[in-house]
Amino acid sequence: MTDPSQYVRERHKEGRDVRWPAAPEPLAVPVYDNHAHLEIEDGDEPMSLDEQLDRAAEVGVAGVVQAGGDIESSRWSAWAAASHARVLAAVAIHPNEAPAYEAAGRLDEAIAVIDGLAAQPRVRAIGETGLDFFRTGDDGLAAQFRSFEAHIDLAKKHGIAMQIHDRDAHDAVLETLARVGAPERTVFHCFSGGAEMARIAADRGYYLSFAGNVTFKNAQTLRDALAVTPVERILVETDAPFLTPSPHRGRPNAPYLVPVTVRFMAAQLGVDLDDLCARLAANTLAVYGRFEG
């Protein structure tokens, strides 16, 4: 098998401003990036994993949950976590990848690979998995549902968290979780619903992870959701290299930009920044466990 550490993808850069944004003011109380894709190279000068982690630590981001979406990126995520004390891994077949694996007759094989990776001690979540009705047509929905339910079973089997990808599929995701039974620690990665869905999710004990898009001018729905979410159910993430927070929207994203989003969230909620950071860190550790030691 190819060395997982050698697996790298490059994000499309043509027509984009690919300069790395300036580092924000460091946080006094460290937090964690709940979801990132650091195997994807971006920026005018791509950073190594060590550089990503060091730059994050300099601004008060103590660790990163690295998420996979197919066999290769999940293997890379597991390798990154096993090799770096500041990384934990999530592994899964992304809902948009599930139909392709199914068409090739390889979905069961792919889920078996995820099952094996999930047994590793620093793999702490199944993710990202879920449903995406935006990019997948009707002919791929059966594979998405089958994959999602299999991933739910894996999270429960291994006693680890689950990170959900939900795009234009809010009702179907909530129904599936209710019907199949959600894992004990279920996270809506890059939460995309509104206030009503946020209330439902929080009432069920799920966690809502907010990314840089909560800062976008057209994202009032997300800010409404943030406002009604109990602070003990809130997480923060980058989804790097995507969803760079304003005022850097469109430029490369990385864990070192988490403080931009956290400061925005504190202002929106009208809470003390240090108190929010402490709560976000505690929530992350409650979901995934300790990073070091």
Protein backbone atom coordinates (compact mmCIF):
# COMPACT_ATOMS: atom_id res chain seq x y z
CA MET A 1 0.00 0.00 0.00
CA THR A 2 1.21 3.52 -0.76
CA ASP A 3 2.55 5.41 2.25
CA PRO A 4 -0.46 7.45 3.49
CA SER A 5 1.83 10.34 4.37
CA GLN A 6 2.50 10.89 0.67
CA TYR A 7 -1.16 11.46 -0.20
CA VAL A 8 -1.80 15.12 -1.05
CA ARG A 9 -4.46 16.87 -3.09
CA GLU A 10 -4.24 20.39 -4.47
CA ARG A 11 -7.12 22.82 -4.43
CA HIS A 12 -7.98 24.58 -7.67
CA LYS A 13 -6.35 28.03 -7.57
CA GLU A 14 -7.04 29.64 -10.94
CA GLY A 15 -8.72 33.03 -10.63
CA ARG A 16 -8.50 33.11 -6.83
CA ASP A 17 -6.56 35.27 -4.42
CA VAL A 18 -4.30 32.56 -3.00
CA ARG A 19 -2.32 34.71 -0.56
CA TRP A 20 -2.49 33.48 3.02
CA PRO A 21 -4.32 35.98 5.25
CA ALA A 22 -2.39 37.65 8.04
CA ALA A 23 -2.44 35.83 11.36
CA PRO A 24 -5.10 37.14 13.76
CA GLU A 25 -4.43 38.24 17.32
CA PRO A 26 -3.80 35.14 19.45
CA LEU A 27 -6.50 33.83 21.75
CA ALA A 28 -5.66 33.93 25.45
CA VAL A 29 -7.55 30.68 26.06
CA PRO A 30 -6.74 27.93 23.52
CA VAL A 31 -9.42 26.28 21.40
CA TYR A 32 -9.49 23.47 18.82
CA ASP A 33 -10.39 23.28 15.13
CA ASN A 34 -13.16 20.70 15.09
CA HIS A 35 -12.93 19.87 11.35
CA ALA A 36 -10.34 20.46 8.65
CA HIS A 37 -8.93 18.86 5.49
CA LEU A 38 -5.22 19.49 5.80
CA GLU A 39 -4.31 16.98 3.10
CA ILE A 40 -5.51 19.55 0.55
CA GLU A 41 -2.73 21.95 -0.40
CA ASP A 42 -3.75 25.56 -0.91
CA GLY A 43 -2.23 29.02 -0.83
CA ASP A 44 0.56 30.67 -2.77
CA GLU A 45 3.07 28.85 -0.55
CA PRO A 46 1.51 25.56 0.60
CA MET A 47 2.22 24.69 4.23
CA SER A 48 3.28 21.29 5.50
CA LEU A 49 1.22 19.67 8.23
CA ASP A 50 3.81 20.67 10.83
CA GLU A 51 3.73 24.26 9.58
CA GLN A 52 -0.08 24.27 9.74
CA LEU A 53 -0.04 23.03 13.32
CA ASP A 54 2.73 25.38 14.44
CA ARG A 55 1.05 28.41 12.92
CA ALA A 56 -2.22 27.42 14.59
CA ALA A 57 -0.54 26.99 17.98
CA GLU A 58 0.94 30.49 17.75
CA VAL A 59 -2.57 32.00 17.78
CA GLY A 60 -4.11 29.73 20.42
CA VAL A 61 -5.43 26.81 18.36
CA ALA A 62 -4.16 23.80 20.27
CA GLY A 63 -5.22 21.00 17.97
CA VAL A 64 -7.14 19.95 14.87
CA VAL A 65 -9.61 17.18 14.04
CA GLN A 66 -8.55 16.10 10.55
CA ALA A 67 -11.46 14.67 8.53
CA GLY A 68 -11.43 12.20 5.66
CA GLY A 69 -13.94 11.74 2.86
CA ASP A 70 -12.75 8.72 0.91
CA ILE A 71 -10.37 5.80 1.41
CA GLU A 72 -7.21 7.76 0.61
CA SER A 73 -7.95 10.87 2.65
CA SER A 74 -9.19 8.76 5.57
CA ARG A 75 -5.92 6.80 5.58
CA TRP A 76 -4.04 10.10 5.48
CA SER A 77 -6.14 11.42 8.37
CA ALA A 78 -5.41 8.34 10.48
CA TRP A 79 -1.69 8.66 9.65
CA ALA A 80 -1.68 12.36 10.59
CA ALA A 81 -3.29 11.65 13.95
CA ALA A 82 -0.96 8.74 14.71
CA SER A 83 2.06 10.89 13.83
CA HIS A 84 1.16 14.21 15.45
CA ALA A 85 0.05 14.77 19.03
CA ARG A 86 -1.97 17.84 18.04
CA VAL A 87 -4.14 15.93 15.53
CA LEU A 88 -7.10 13.58 15.98
CA ALA A 89 -8.77 11.89 13.02
CA ALA A 90 -12.23 11.41 11.62
CA VAL A 91 -12.63 8.82 8.83
CA ALA A 92 -15.49 8.17 6.43
CA ILE A 93 -16.80 7.93 2.90
CA HIS A 94 -18.31 11.32 2.08
CA PRO A 95 -21.93 11.19 0.92
CA ASN A 96 -20.95 12.57 -2.47
CA GLU A 97 -18.39 9.77 -2.84
CA ALA A 98 -20.73 6.96 -1.81
CA PRO A 99 -22.57 6.70 -5.18
CA ALA A 100 -19.27 6.43 -7.06
CA TYR A 101 -18.06 3.63 -4.80
CA GLU A 102 -21.46 1.93 -5.17
CA ALA A 103 -21.38 2.19 -8.96
CA ALA A 104 -17.93 0.59 -8.95
CA GLY A 105 -19.14 -2.21 -6.68
CA ARG A 106 -16.76 -1.04 -3.94
CA LEU A 107 -18.96 0.63 -1.32
CA ASP A 108 -18.90 -2.35 1.05
CA GLU A 109 -15.12 -2.60 0.61
CA ALA A 110 -14.73 1.11 1.35
CA ILE A 111 -16.87 0.91 4.48
CA ALA A 112 -14.77 -2.06 5.63
CA VAL A 113 -11.63 0.09 5.26
CA ILE A 114 -13.25 2.80 7.38
CA ASP A 115 -14.16 0.15 9.96
CA GLY A 116 -10.52 -0.88 10.20
CA LEU A 117 -9.25 2.68 10.47
CA ALA A 118 -11.84 3.49 13.15
CA ALA A 119 -10.24 0.92 15.44
CA GLN A 120 -7.05 2.99 15.67
CA PRO A 121 -6.75 4.77 19.02
CA ARG A 122 -6.35 8.30 17.63
CA VAL A 123 -9.26 7.98 15.23
CA ARG A 124 -11.98 9.56 17.35
CA ALA A 125 -14.84 10.12 14.91
CA ILE A 126 -16.62 8.73 11.89
CA GLY A 127 -16.88 11.59 9.46
CA GLU A 128 -17.67 13.22 7.40
CA THR A 129 -20.75 11.20 6.58
CA GLY A 130 -24.38 12.12 6.02
CA LEU A 131 -26.57 13.24 3.15
CA ASP A 132 -26.11 15.77 0.35
CA PHE A 133 -29.10 16.50 -1.87
CA PHE A 134 -27.33 19.42 -3.56
CA ARG A 135 -24.67 17.59 -5.56
CA THR A 136 -26.11 14.08 -5.79
CA GLY A 137 -29.10 13.32 -8.02
CA ASP A 138 -31.92 10.91 -7.33
CA ASP A 139 -29.97 7.99 -8.79
CA GLY A 140 -27.36 8.32 -6.06
CA LEU A 141 -29.58 8.76 -3.03
CA ALA A 142 -29.95 5.07 -2.21
CA ALA A 143 -26.18 4.74 -1.95
CA GLN A 144 -26.00 7.83 0.26
CA PHE A 145 -28.61 6.49 2.65
CA ARG A 146 -26.99 3.04 2.78
CA SER A 147 -23.58 4.56 3.42
CA PHE A 148 -24.88 6.97 6.06
CA GLU A 149 -26.61 4.23 8.02
CA ALA A 150 -23.52 2.01 7.81
CA HIS A 151 -21.39 4.86 9.15
CA ILE A 152 -23.82 5.43 12.03
CA ASP A 153 -23.39 1.77 12.92
CA LEU A 154 -19.59 2.13 12.81
CA ALA A 155 -19.59 5.11 15.18
CA LYS A 156 -21.68 3.13 17.66
CA LYS A 157 -19.61 -0.04 17.19
CA HIS A 158 -16.36 1.77 17.99
CA GLY A 159 -17.84 4.09 20.62
CA ILE A 160 -16.59 7.23 18.88
CA ALA A 161 -18.19 10.45 17.70
CA MET A 162 -19.79 11.08 14.32
CA GLN A 163 -19.39 14.19 12.13
CA ILE A 164 -22.34 14.81 9.82
CA HIS A 165 -22.25 16.45 6.40
CA ASP A 166 -25.74 17.84 5.74
CA ARG A 167 -26.40 19.85 2.62
CA ASP A 168 -30.00 20.56 1.60
CA ALA A 169 -31.02 17.41 3.48
CA HIS A 170 -31.97 18.64 6.95
CA ASP A 171 -35.22 16.72 7.38
CA ALA A 172 -33.81 13.50 5.93
CA VAL A 173 -30.74 13.63 8.18
CA LEU A 174 -32.81 14.23 11.32
CA GLU A 175 -35.26 11.47 10.34
CA THR A 176 -32.46 9.00 9.70
CA LEU A 177 -30.82 9.73 13.04
CA ALA A 178 -34.14 9.29 14.83
CA ARG A 179 -34.98 6.08 12.98
CA VAL A 180 -31.58 4.39 13.19
CA GLY A 181 -30.48 5.86 16.49
CA ALA A 182 -27.77 8.50 16.67
CA PRO A 183 -24.35 7.84 18.20
CA GLU A 184 -23.90 9.21 21.71
CA ARG A 185 -21.76 12.08 20.39
CA THR A 186 -23.15 13.41 17.13
CA VAL A 187 -21.79 16.60 15.54
CA PHE A 188 -23.32 18.59 12.70
CA HIS A 189 -20.14 19.63 10.92
CA CYS A 190 -20.40 23.09 9.34
CA PHE A 191 -23.96 23.46 10.60
CA SER A 192 -26.13 24.77 7.78
CA GLY A 193 -29.64 24.82 9.21
CA GLY A 194 -31.67 27.57 10.79
CA ALA A 195 -32.89 28.32 14.29
CA GLU A 196 -35.65 25.69 14.28
CA MET A 197 -33.27 22.92 13.28
CA ALA A 198 -30.70 24.14 15.80
CA ARG A 199 -33.27 23.82 18.58
CA ILE A 200 -34.22 20.31 17.48
CA ALA A 201 -30.60 19.20 17.23
CA ALA A 202 -29.63 20.66 20.59
CA ASP A 203 -32.71 19.18 22.27
CA ARG A 204 -31.61 15.76 20.99
CA GLY A 205 -28.15 16.27 22.46
CA TYR A 206 -26.31 16.84 19.19
CA TYR A 207 -23.43 19.29 18.82
CA LEU A 208 -23.47 22.11 16.26
CA SER A 209 -20.13 23.07 14.74
CA PHE A 210 -19.95 26.54 13.19
CA ALA A 211 -17.46 27.39 10.46
CA GLY A 212 -16.25 30.63 8.89
CA ASN A 213 -19.40 31.02 6.83
CA VAL A 214 -21.23 32.19 9.96
CA THR A 215 -19.36 35.47 9.36
CA PHE A 216 -20.64 35.94 5.79
CA LYS A 217 -23.01 38.84 5.17
CA ASN A 218 -25.65 36.57 3.62
CA ALA A 219 -25.57 34.06 6.51
CA GLN A 220 -28.14 35.53 8.90
CA THR A 221 -29.83 32.12 9.08
CA LEU A 222 -26.65 30.67 10.58
CA ARG A 223 -26.35 33.52 13.05
CA ASP A 224 -29.96 32.92 14.10
CA ALA A 225 -29.07 29.26 14.67
CA LEU A 226 -26.01 30.19 16.70
CA ALA A 227 -28.09 32.52 18.87
CA VAL A 228 -30.46 29.73 19.99
CA THR A 229 -27.86 26.99 20.46
CA PRO A 230 -26.92 26.28 24.09
CA VAL A 231 -23.26 27.13 24.57
CA GLU A 232 -22.56 23.60 25.81
CA ARG A 233 -23.53 22.31 22.34
CA ILE A 234 -21.38 24.70 20.25
CA LEU A 235 -18.15 23.78 18.47
CA VAL A 236 -16.00 25.77 16.04
CA GLU A 237 -14.18 24.65 12.91
CA THR A 238 -12.55 25.91 9.74
CA ASP A 239 -13.46 23.20 7.18
CA ALA A 240 -10.07 24.33 5.80
CA PRO A 241 -9.12 25.06 3.12
CA PHE A 242 -12.74 26.09 2.48
CA LEU A 243 -15.09 28.68 4.03
CA THR A 244 -12.50 31.25 5.01
CA PRO A 245 -14.12 33.75 7.40
CA SER A 246 -14.74 37.37 6.49
CA PRO A 247 -12.93 39.64 5.80
CA HIS A 248 -10.78 37.01 4.04
CA ARG A 249 -13.56 35.18 2.23
CA GLY A 250 -12.34 33.39 -0.90
CA ARG A 251 -8.71 33.21 0.19
CA PRO A 252 -7.06 30.05 1.59
CA ASN A 253 -8.31 28.89 4.97
CA ALA A 254 -6.33 27.14 7.70
CA PRO A 255 -6.64 26.36 11.42
CA TYR A 256 -4.71 29.51 12.37
CA LEU A 257 -7.77 31.52 11.27
CA VAL A 258 -10.09 29.95 13.87
CA PRO A 259 -9.70 33.02 16.15
CA VAL A 260 -11.41 35.18 13.51
CA THR A 261 -14.54 33.04 13.71
CA VAL A 262 -14.41 32.66 17.48
CA ARG A 263 -14.21 36.42 18.05
CA PHE A 264 -17.15 36.91 15.70
CA MET A 265 -19.18 34.28 17.56
CA ALA A 266 -18.42 35.86 20.94
CA ALA A 267 -19.58 39.25 19.65
CA GLN A 268 -22.76 37.77 18.20
CA LEU A 269 -23.57 35.95 21.42
CA GLY A 270 -22.61 38.89 23.62
CA VAL A 271 -20.36 36.76 25.79
CA ASP A 272 -16.83 37.11 27.12
CA LEU A 273 -14.29 35.84 24.59
CA ASP A 274 -12.21 33.90 27.12
CA ASP A 275 -15.32 32.27 28.59
CA LEU A 276 -16.47 31.19 25.13
CA CYS A 277 -13.03 29.80 24.30
CA ALA A 278 -12.97 27.76 27.50
CA ARG A 279 -16.42 26.38 26.72
CA LEU A 280 -15.51 25.53 23.12
CA ALA A 281 -12.38 23.71 24.27
CA ALA A 282 -14.30 21.77 26.89
CA ASN A 283 -16.93 20.80 24.35
CA THR A 284 -14.29 19.57 21.90
CA LEU A 285 -12.62 17.41 24.53
CA ALA A 286 -15.99 16.04 25.64
CA VAL A 287 -16.70 14.91 22.07
CA TYR A 288 -13.29 13.59 20.99
CA GLY A 289 -11.25 13.05 24.14
CA ARG A 290 -7.76 14.31 24.89
CA PHE A 291 -5.34 15.16 22.09
CA GLU A 292 -2.09 14.56 23.96
CA GLY A 293 -1.30 11.84 26.45
